């Protein structure tokens, strides 16, 4: 089983790749809406990619209010 830090690193890598920005510019506590300049539809696209990558399903109710990478990684980790 992978660690919380490994999950966070993978989330940051995938977000950087999807939105074509340098990984180094992202940090765990960044608000991904502001940092990536994305809307809710683009966030949903990222979430779908993360679900496929980690082979999990994140219910909508678990994602309400989540806007930083660290919390997102925690929610993913809880499903692994």
PDB file of N, CA and C in Angstrom:
ATOM      1  N   UNK A   1       0.837  -1.188   0.000  1.00  0.00           N
ATOM      2  CA  UNK A   1       0.000   0.000   0.000  1.00  0.00           C
ATOM      3  C   UNK A   1       0.878   1.246   0.000  1.00  0.00           C
ATOM      4  N   UNK A   2       0.469   2.225  -0.771  1.00  0.00           N
ATOM      5  CA  UNK A   2       1.316   3.405  -0.858  1.00  0.00           C
ATOM      6  C   UNK A   2       1.007   4.393   0.257  1.00  0.00           C
ATOM      7  N   UNK A   3       1.970   5.282   0.506  1.00  0.00           N
ATOM      8  CA  UNK A   3       1.837   6.250   1.586  1.00  0.00           C
ATOM      9  C   UNK A   3       1.032   7.462   1.136  1.00  0.00           C
ATOM     10  N   UNK A   4       0.624   8.238   2.121  1.00  0.00           N
ATOM     11  CA  UNK A   4      -0.092   9.491   1.855  1.00  0.00           C
ATOM     12  C   UNK A   4       0.761  10.406   0.965  1.00  0.00           C
ATOM     13  N   UNK A   5       2.066  10.462   1.243  1.00  0.00           N
ATOM     14  CA  UNK A   5       2.958  11.333   0.472  1.00  0.00           C
ATOM     15  C   UNK A   5       3.052  10.865  -0.977  1.00  0.00           C
ATOM     16  N   UNK A   6       3.112   9.573  -1.199  1.00  0.00           N
ATOM     17  CA  UNK A   6       3.158   9.048  -2.568  1.00  0.00           C
ATOM     18  C   UNK A   6       1.879   9.394  -3.324  1.00  0.00           C
ATOM     19  N   UNK A   7       0.748   9.278  -2.643  1.00  0.00           N
ATOM     20  CA  UNK A   7      -0.530   9.628  -3.265  1.00  0.00           C
ATOM     21  C   UNK A   7      -0.548  11.103  -3.624  1.00  0.00           C
ATOM     22  N   UNK A   8      -0.112  11.944  -2.702  1.00  0.00           N
ATOM     23  CA  UNK A   8      -0.062  13.385  -2.951  1.00  0.00           C
ATOM     24  C   UNK A   8       0.846  13.697  -4.137  1.00  0.00           C
ATOM     25  N   UNK A   9       2.007  13.074  -4.177  1.00  0.00           N
ATOM     26  CA  UNK A   9       2.940  13.303  -5.294  1.00  0.00           C
ATOM     27  C   UNK A   9       2.306  12.916  -6.631  1.00  0.00           C
ATOM     28  N   UNK A  10       1.605  11.798  -6.657  1.00  0.00           N
ATOM     29  CA  UNK A  10       0.962  11.355  -7.896  1.00  0.00           C
ATOM     30  C   UNK A  10      -0.156  12.316  -8.306  1.00  0.00           C
ATOM     31  N   UNK A  11      -0.929  12.800  -7.341  1.00  0.00           N
ATOM     32  CA  UNK A  11      -1.994  13.767  -7.630  1.00  0.00           C
ATOM     33  C   UNK A  11      -1.394  15.022  -8.258  1.00  0.00           C
ATOM     34  N   UNK A  12      -0.313  15.522  -7.674  1.00  0.00           N
ATOM     35  CA  UNK A  12       0.341  16.731  -8.192  1.00  0.00           C
ATOM     36  C   UNK A  12       0.914  16.496  -9.587  1.00  0.00           C
ATOM     37  N   UNK A  13       1.520  15.337  -9.801  1.00  0.00           N
ATOM     38  CA  UNK A  13       2.077  14.996 -11.116  1.00  0.00           C
ATOM     39  C   UNK A  13       0.979  14.952 -12.183  1.00  0.00           C
ATOM     40  N   UNK A  14      -0.124  14.286 -11.857  1.00  0.00           N
ATOM     41  CA  UNK A  14      -1.213  14.156 -12.819  1.00  0.00           C
ATOM     42  C   UNK A  14      -1.862  15.502 -13.123  1.00  0.00           C
ATOM     43  N   UNK A  15      -2.029  16.326 -12.104  1.00  0.00           N
ATOM     44  CA  UNK A  15      -2.614  17.658 -12.310  1.00  0.00           C
ATOM     45  C   UNK A  15      -1.699  18.505 -13.195  1.00  0.00           C
ATOM     46  N   UNK A  16      -0.415  18.460 -12.928  1.00  0.00           N
ATOM     47  CA  UNK A  16       0.549  19.223 -13.731  1.00  0.00           C
ATOM     48  C   UNK A  16       0.528  18.752 -15.178  1.00  0.00           C
ATOM     49  N   UNK A  17       0.480  17.448 -15.382  1.00  0.00           N
ATOM     50  CA  UNK A  17       0.470  16.905 -16.741  1.00  0.00           C
ATOM     51  C   UNK A  17      -0.817  17.277 -17.470  1.00  0.00           C
ATOM     52  N   UNK A  18      -1.943  17.148 -16.786  1.00  0.00           N
ATOM     53  CA  UNK A  18      -3.226  17.418 -17.437  1.00  0.00           C
ATOM     54  C   UNK A  18      -3.357  18.879 -17.858  1.00  0.00           C
ATOM     55  N   UNK A  19      -2.851  19.788 -17.025  1.00  0.00           N
ATOM     56  CA  UNK A  19      -3.009  21.211 -17.327  1.00  0.00           C
ATOM     57  C   UNK A  19      -1.723  21.848 -17.866  1.00  0.00           C
ATOM     58  N   UNK A  20      -0.759  20.981 -18.196  1.00  0.00           N
ATOM     59  CA  UNK A  20       0.473  21.385 -18.875  1.00  0.00           C
ATOM     60  C   UNK A  20       1.181  22.546 -18.170  1.00  0.00           C
ATOM     61  N   UNK A  21       1.425  22.322 -16.881  1.00  0.00           N
ATOM     62  CA  UNK A  21       2.205  23.293 -16.109  1.00  0.00           C
ATOM     63  C   UNK A  21       3.327  22.542 -15.397  1.00  0.00           C
ATOM     64  N   UNK A  22       4.407  23.239 -15.054  1.00  0.00           N
ATOM     65  CA  UNK A  22       5.518  22.555 -14.367  1.00  0.00           C
ATOM     66  C   UNK A  22       5.092  22.032 -12.998  1.00  0.00           C
ATOM     67  N   UNK A  23       5.439  20.807 -12.699  1.00  0.00           N
ATOM     68  CA  UNK A  23       5.105  20.180 -11.418  1.00  0.00           C
ATOM     69  C   UNK A  23       5.635  20.997 -10.248  1.00  0.00           C
ATOM     70  N   UNK A  24       6.791  21.611 -10.423  1.00  0.00           N
ATOM     71  CA  UNK A  24       7.435  22.361  -9.340  1.00  0.00           C
ATOM     72  C   UNK A  24       6.604  23.558  -8.888  1.00  0.00           C
ATOM     73  N   UNK A  25       5.674  24.008  -9.726  1.00  0.00           N
ATOM     74  CA  UNK A  25       4.879  25.186  -9.370  1.00  0.00           C
ATOM     75  C   UNK A  25       3.691  24.835  -8.476  1.00  0.00           C
ATOM     76  N   UNK A  26       3.458  23.550  -8.249  1.00  0.00           N
ATOM     77  CA  UNK A  26       2.325  23.122  -7.435  1.00  0.00           C
ATOM     78  C   UNK A  26       2.788  22.666  -6.058  1.00  0.00           C
ATOM     79  N   UNK A  27       1.997  23.013  -5.039  1.00  0.00           N
ATOM     80  CA  UNK A  27       2.290  22.519  -3.693  1.00  0.00           C
ATOM     81  C   UNK A  27       1.021  21.943  -3.073  1.00  0.00           C
ATOM     82  N   UNK A  28       1.195  21.182  -2.023  1.00  0.00           N
ATOM     83  CA  UNK A  28       0.105  20.418  -1.418  1.00  0.00           C
ATOM     84  C   UNK A  28      -1.076  21.286  -0.981  1.00  0.00           C
ATOM     85  N   UNK A  29      -0.793  22.477  -0.502  1.00  0.00           N
ATOM     86  CA  UNK A  29      -1.859  23.308   0.058  1.00  0.00           C
ATOM     87  C   UNK A  29      -2.435  24.312  -0.938  1.00  0.00           C
ATOM     88  N   UNK A  30      -2.026  24.230  -2.191  1.00  0.00           N
ATOM     89  CA  UNK A  30      -2.590  25.110  -3.216  1.00  0.00           C
ATOM     90  C   UNK A  30      -4.065  24.811  -3.432  1.00  0.00           C
ATOM     91  N   UNK A  31      -4.842  25.867  -3.626  1.00  0.00           N
ATOM     92  CA  UNK A  31      -6.227  25.727  -4.066  1.00  0.00           C
ATOM     93  C   UNK A  31      -6.152  25.432  -5.560  1.00  0.00           C
ATOM     94  N   UNK A  32      -6.590  24.233  -5.974  1.00  0.00           N
ATOM     95  CA  UNK A  32      -6.383  23.877  -7.376  1.00  0.00           C
ATOM     96  C   UNK A  32      -7.224  24.698  -8.338  1.00  0.00           C
ATOM     97  N   UNK A  33      -8.361  25.219  -7.892  1.00  0.00           N
ATOM     98  CA  UNK A  33      -9.154  26.085  -8.776  1.00  0.00           C
ATOM     99  C   UNK A  33      -8.364  27.356  -9.107  1.00  0.00           C
ATOM    100  N   UNK A  34      -7.773  27.957  -8.067  1.00  0.00           N
ATOM    101  CA  UNK A  34      -7.018  29.204  -8.264  1.00  0.00           C
ATOM    102  C   UNK A  34      -5.670  28.942  -8.938  1.00  0.00           C
ATOM    103  N   UNK A  35      -4.954  27.940  -8.446  1.00  0.00           N
ATOM    104  CA  UNK A  35      -3.595  27.682  -8.946  1.00  0.00           C
ATOM    105  C   UNK A  35      -3.611  27.248 -10.410  1.00  0.00           C
ATOM    106  N   UNK A  36      -4.563  26.403 -10.769  1.00  0.00           N
ATOM    107  CA  UNK A  36      -4.629  25.908 -12.148  1.00  0.00           C
ATOM    108  C   UNK A  36      -5.498  26.797 -13.029  1.00  0.00           C
ATOM    109  N   UNK A  37      -6.250  27.712 -12.414  1.00  0.00           N
ATOM    110  CA  UNK A  37      -7.140  28.580 -13.175  1.00  0.00           C
ATOM    111  C   UNK A  37      -8.233  27.793 -13.881  1.00  0.00           C
ATOM    112  N   UNK A  38      -8.822  26.838 -13.146  1.00  0.00           N
ATOM    113  CA  UNK A  38      -9.814  25.952 -13.767  1.00  0.00           C
ATOM    114  C   UNK A  38     -11.210  26.210 -13.212  1.00  0.00           C
ATOM    115  N   UNK A  39     -12.192  25.742 -13.958  1.00  0.00           N
ATOM    116  CA  UNK A  39     -13.579  25.820 -13.497  1.00  0.00           C
ATOM    117  C   UNK A  39     -14.020  24.442 -13.015  1.00  0.00           C
ATOM    118  N   UNK A  40     -15.267  24.329 -12.596  1.00  0.00           N
ATOM    119  CA  UNK A  40     -15.740  23.070 -12.021  1.00  0.00           C
ATOM    120  C   UNK A  40     -15.751  21.931 -13.036  1.00  0.00           C
ATOM    121  N   UNK A  41     -15.993  22.246 -14.295  1.00  0.00           N
ATOM    122  CA  UNK A  41     -15.984  21.209 -15.324  1.00  0.00           C
ATOM    123  C   UNK A  41     -14.574  20.646 -15.518  1.00  0.00           C
ATOM    124  N   UNK A  42     -13.577  21.518 -15.515  1.00  0.00           N
ATOM    125  CA  UNK A  42     -12.190  21.054 -15.639  1.00  0.00           C
ATOM    126  C   UNK A  42     -11.765  20.281 -14.386  1.00  0.00           C
ATOM    127  N   UNK A  43     -12.261  20.706 -13.228  1.00  0.00           N
ATOM    128  CA  UNK A  43     -11.960  19.976 -11.992  1.00  0.00           C
ATOM    129  C   UNK A  43     -12.559  18.576 -12.053  1.00  0.00           C
ATOM    130  N   UNK A  44     -13.745  18.457 -12.607  1.00  0.00           N
ATOM    131  CA  UNK A  44     -14.386  17.152 -12.766  1.00  0.00           C
ATOM    132  C   UNK A  44     -13.571  16.258 -13.698  1.00  0.00           C
ATOM    133  N   UNK A  45     -13.024  16.849 -14.737  1.00  0.00           N
ATOM    134  CA  UNK A  45     -12.167  16.115 -15.667  1.00  0.00           C
ATOM    135  C   UNK A  45     -10.924  15.581 -14.947  1.00  0.00           C
ATOM    136  N   UNK A  46     -10.331  16.415 -14.103  1.00  0.00           N
ATOM    137  CA  UNK A  46      -9.163  15.993 -13.318  1.00  0.00           C
ATOM    138  C   UNK A  46      -9.563  14.879 -12.360  1.00  0.00           C
ATOM    139  N   UNK A  47     -10.692  15.028 -11.713  1.00  0.00           N
ATOM    140  CA  UNK A  47     -11.161  14.026 -10.769  1.00  0.00           C
ATOM    141  C   UNK A  47     -11.378  12.679 -11.458  1.00  0.00           C
ATOM    142  N   UNK A  48     -11.958  12.715 -12.639  1.00  0.00           N
ATOM    143  CA  UNK A  48     -12.170  11.482 -13.413  1.00  0.00           C
ATOM    144  C   UNK A  48     -10.833  10.821 -13.733  1.00  0.00           C
ATOM    145  N   UNK A  49      -9.866  11.629 -14.126  1.00  0.00           N
ATOM    146  CA  UNK A  49      -8.533  11.086 -14.428  1.00  0.00           C
ATOM    147  C   UNK A  49      -7.903  10.459 -13.190  1.00  0.00           C
ATOM    148  N   UNK A  50      -8.059  11.113 -12.043  1.00  0.00           N
ATOM    149  CA  UNK A  50      -7.500  10.574 -10.802  1.00  0.00           C
ATOM    150  C   UNK A  50      -8.190   9.271 -10.403  1.00  0.00           C
ATOM    151  N   UNK A  51      -9.512   9.218 -10.567  1.00  0.00           N
ATOM    152  CA  UNK A  51     -10.238   7.986 -10.252  1.00  0.00           C
ATOM    153  C   UNK A  51      -9.748   6.834 -11.125  1.00  0.00           C
ATOM    154  N   UNK A  52      -9.533   7.101 -12.395  1.00  0.00           N
ATOM    155  CA  UNK A  52      -9.047   6.056 -13.301  1.00  0.00           C
ATOM    156  C   UNK A  52      -7.626   5.635 -12.938  1.00  0.00           C
ATOM    157  N   UNK A  53      -6.791   6.606 -12.631  1.00  0.00           N
ATOM    158  CA  UNK A  53      -5.392   6.318 -12.289  1.00  0.00           C
ATOM    159  C   UNK A  53      -5.297   5.442 -11.031  1.00  0.00           C
ATOM    160  N   UNK A  54      -6.063   5.820 -10.001  1.00  0.00           N
ATOM    161  CA  UNK A  54      -5.988   5.100  -8.731  1.00  0.00           C
ATOM    162  C   UNK A  54      -6.966   3.921  -8.650  1.00  0.00           C
ATOM    163  N   UNK A  55      -7.802   3.777  -9.701  1.00  0.00           N
ATOM    164  CA  UNK A  55      -8.791   2.692  -9.756  1.00  0.00           C
ATOM    165  C   UNK A  55      -9.727   2.726  -8.540  1.00  0.00           C
ATOM    166  N   UNK A  56     -10.279   3.906  -8.296  1.00  0.00           N
ATOM    167  CA  UNK A  56     -11.215   4.115  -7.190  1.00  0.00           C
ATOM    168  C   UNK A  56     -12.397   4.934  -7.696  1.00  0.00           C
ATOM    169  N   UNK A  57     -13.387   5.082  -6.834  1.00  0.00           N
ATOM    170  CA  UNK A  57     -14.498   5.977  -7.122  1.00  0.00           C
ATOM    171  C   UNK A  57     -14.668   6.905  -5.929  1.00  0.00           C
ATOM    172  N   UNK A  58     -14.713   8.204  -6.207  1.00  0.00           N
ATOM    173  CA  UNK A  58     -14.891   9.193  -5.151  1.00  0.00           C
ATOM    174  C   UNK A  58     -16.315   9.747  -5.230  1.00  0.00           C
ATOM    175  N   UNK A  59     -17.145   9.459  -4.228  1.00  0.00           N
ATOM    176  CA  UNK A  59     -18.510   9.976  -4.256  1.00  0.00           C
ATOM    177  C   UNK A  59     -18.536  11.506  -4.191  1.00  0.00           C
ATOM    178  N   UNK A  60     -19.525  12.087  -4.823  1.00  0.00           N
ATOM    179  CA  UNK A  60     -19.653  13.543  -4.845  1.00  0.00           C
ATOM    180  C   UNK A  60     -19.664  14.141  -3.443  1.00  0.00           C
ATOM    181  N   UNK A  61     -20.374  13.486  -2.522  1.00  0.00           N
ATOM    182  CA  UNK A  61     -20.480  14.043  -1.176  1.00  0.00           C
ATOM    183  C   UNK A  61     -19.123  14.139  -0.481  1.00  0.00           C
ATOM    184  N   UNK A  62     -18.182  13.267  -0.847  1.00  0.00           N
ATOM    185  CA  UNK A  62     -16.844  13.331  -0.252  1.00  0.00           C
ATOM    186  C   UNK A  62     -16.009  14.457  -0.841  1.00  0.00           C
ATOM    187  N   UNK A  63     -16.394  14.926  -2.013  1.00  0.00           N
ATOM    188  CA  UNK A  63     -15.593  15.935  -2.693  1.00  0.00           C
ATOM    189  C   UNK A  63     -16.115  17.364  -2.460  1.00  0.00           C
ATOM    190  N   UNK A  64     -17.279  17.502  -1.853  1.00  0.00           N
ATOM    191  CA  UNK A  64     -17.825  18.835  -1.599  1.00  0.00           C
ATOM    192  C   UNK A  64     -16.890  19.623  -0.692  1.00  0.00           C
ATOM    193  N   UNK A  65     -16.551  20.813  -1.126  1.00  0.00           N
ATOM    194  CA  UNK A  65     -15.692  21.682  -0.331  1.00  0.00           C
ATOM    195  C   UNK A  65     -14.208  21.396  -0.461  1.00  0.00           C
ATOM    196  N   UNK A  66     -13.841  20.372  -1.205  1.00  0.00           N
ATOM    197  CA  UNK A  66     -12.423  20.049  -1.386  1.00  0.00           C
ATOM    198  C   UNK A  66     -11.866  20.923  -2.507  1.00  0.00           C
ATOM    199  N   UNK A  67     -10.829  21.696  -2.189  1.00  0.00           N
ATOM    200  CA  UNK A  67     -10.240  22.538  -3.230  1.00  0.00           C
ATOM    201  C   UNK A  67      -8.719  22.593  -3.157  1.00  0.00           C
ATOM    202  N   UNK A  68      -8.117  21.847  -2.220  1.00  0.00           N
ATOM    203  CA  UNK A  68      -6.648  21.822  -2.183  1.00  0.00           C
ATOM    204  C   UNK A  68      -6.153  20.404  -2.424  1.00  0.00           C
ATOM    205  N   UNK A  69      -4.945  20.327  -2.936  1.00  0.00           N
ATOM    206  CA  UNK A  69      -4.370  19.042  -3.331  1.00  0.00           C
ATOM    207  C   UNK A  69      -4.201  18.080  -2.152  1.00  0.00           C
ATOM    208  N   UNK A  70      -3.835  18.614  -0.981  1.00  0.00           N
ATOM    209  CA  UNK A  70      -3.603  17.751   0.179  1.00  0.00           C
ATOM    210  C   UNK A  70      -4.896  17.015   0.581  1.00  0.00           C
ATOM    211  N   UNK A  71      -5.996  17.754   0.666  1.00  0.00           N
ATOM    212  CA  UNK A  71      -7.267  17.134   1.045  1.00  0.00           C
ATOM    213  C   UNK A  71      -7.725  16.150  -0.022  1.00  0.00           C
ATOM    214  N   UNK A  72      -7.533  16.526  -1.276  1.00  0.00           N
ATOM    215  CA  UNK A  72      -7.871  15.627  -2.377  1.00  0.00           C
ATOM    216  C   UNK A  72      -7.096  14.308  -2.243  1.00  0.00           C
ATOM    217  N   UNK A  73      -5.813  14.412  -1.976  1.00  0.00           N
ATOM    218  CA  UNK A  73      -4.974  13.205  -1.808  1.00  0.00           C
ATOM    219  C   UNK A  73      -5.429  12.385  -0.606  1.00  0.00           C
ATOM    220  N   UNK A  74      -5.849  13.048   0.472  1.00  0.00           N
ATOM    221  CA  UNK A  74      -6.340  12.333   1.657  1.00  0.00           C
ATOM    222  C   UNK A  74      -7.595  11.543   1.326  1.00  0.00           C
ATOM    223  N   UNK A  75      -8.497  12.140   0.562  1.00  0.00           N
ATOM    224  CA  UNK A  75      -9.740  11.452   0.179  1.00  0.00           C
ATOM    225  C   UNK A  75      -9.433  10.250  -0.703  1.00  0.00           C
ATOM    226  N   UNK A  76      -8.473  10.416  -1.609  1.00  0.00           N
ATOM    227  CA  UNK A  76      -8.067   9.306  -2.470  1.00  0.00           C
ATOM    228  C   UNK A  76      -7.433   8.198  -1.628  1.00  0.00           C
ATOM    229  N   UNK A  77      -6.541   8.590  -0.733  1.00  0.00           N
ATOM    230  CA  UNK A  77      -5.836   7.632   0.123  1.00  0.00           C
ATOM    231  C   UNK A  77      -6.820   6.798   0.945  1.00  0.00           C
ATOM    232  N   UNK A  78      -7.890   7.412   1.397  1.00  0.00           N
ATOM    233  CA  UNK A  78      -8.866   6.695   2.221  1.00  0.00           C
ATOM    234  C   UNK A  78      -9.609   5.615   1.429  1.00  0.00           C
ATOM    235  N   UNK A  79      -9.546   5.691   0.105  1.00  0.00           N
ATOM    236  CA  UNK A  79     -10.224   4.722  -0.756  1.00  0.00           C
ATOM    237  C   UNK A  79      -9.294   3.621  -1.257  1.00  0.00           C
ATOM    238  N   UNK A  80      -8.009   3.777  -1.033  1.00  0.00           N
ATOM    239  CA  UNK A  80      -7.037   2.781  -1.552  1.00  0.00           C
ATOM    240  C   UNK A  80      -6.977   1.556  -0.661  1.00  0.00           C
TER     241      UNK A  80
END
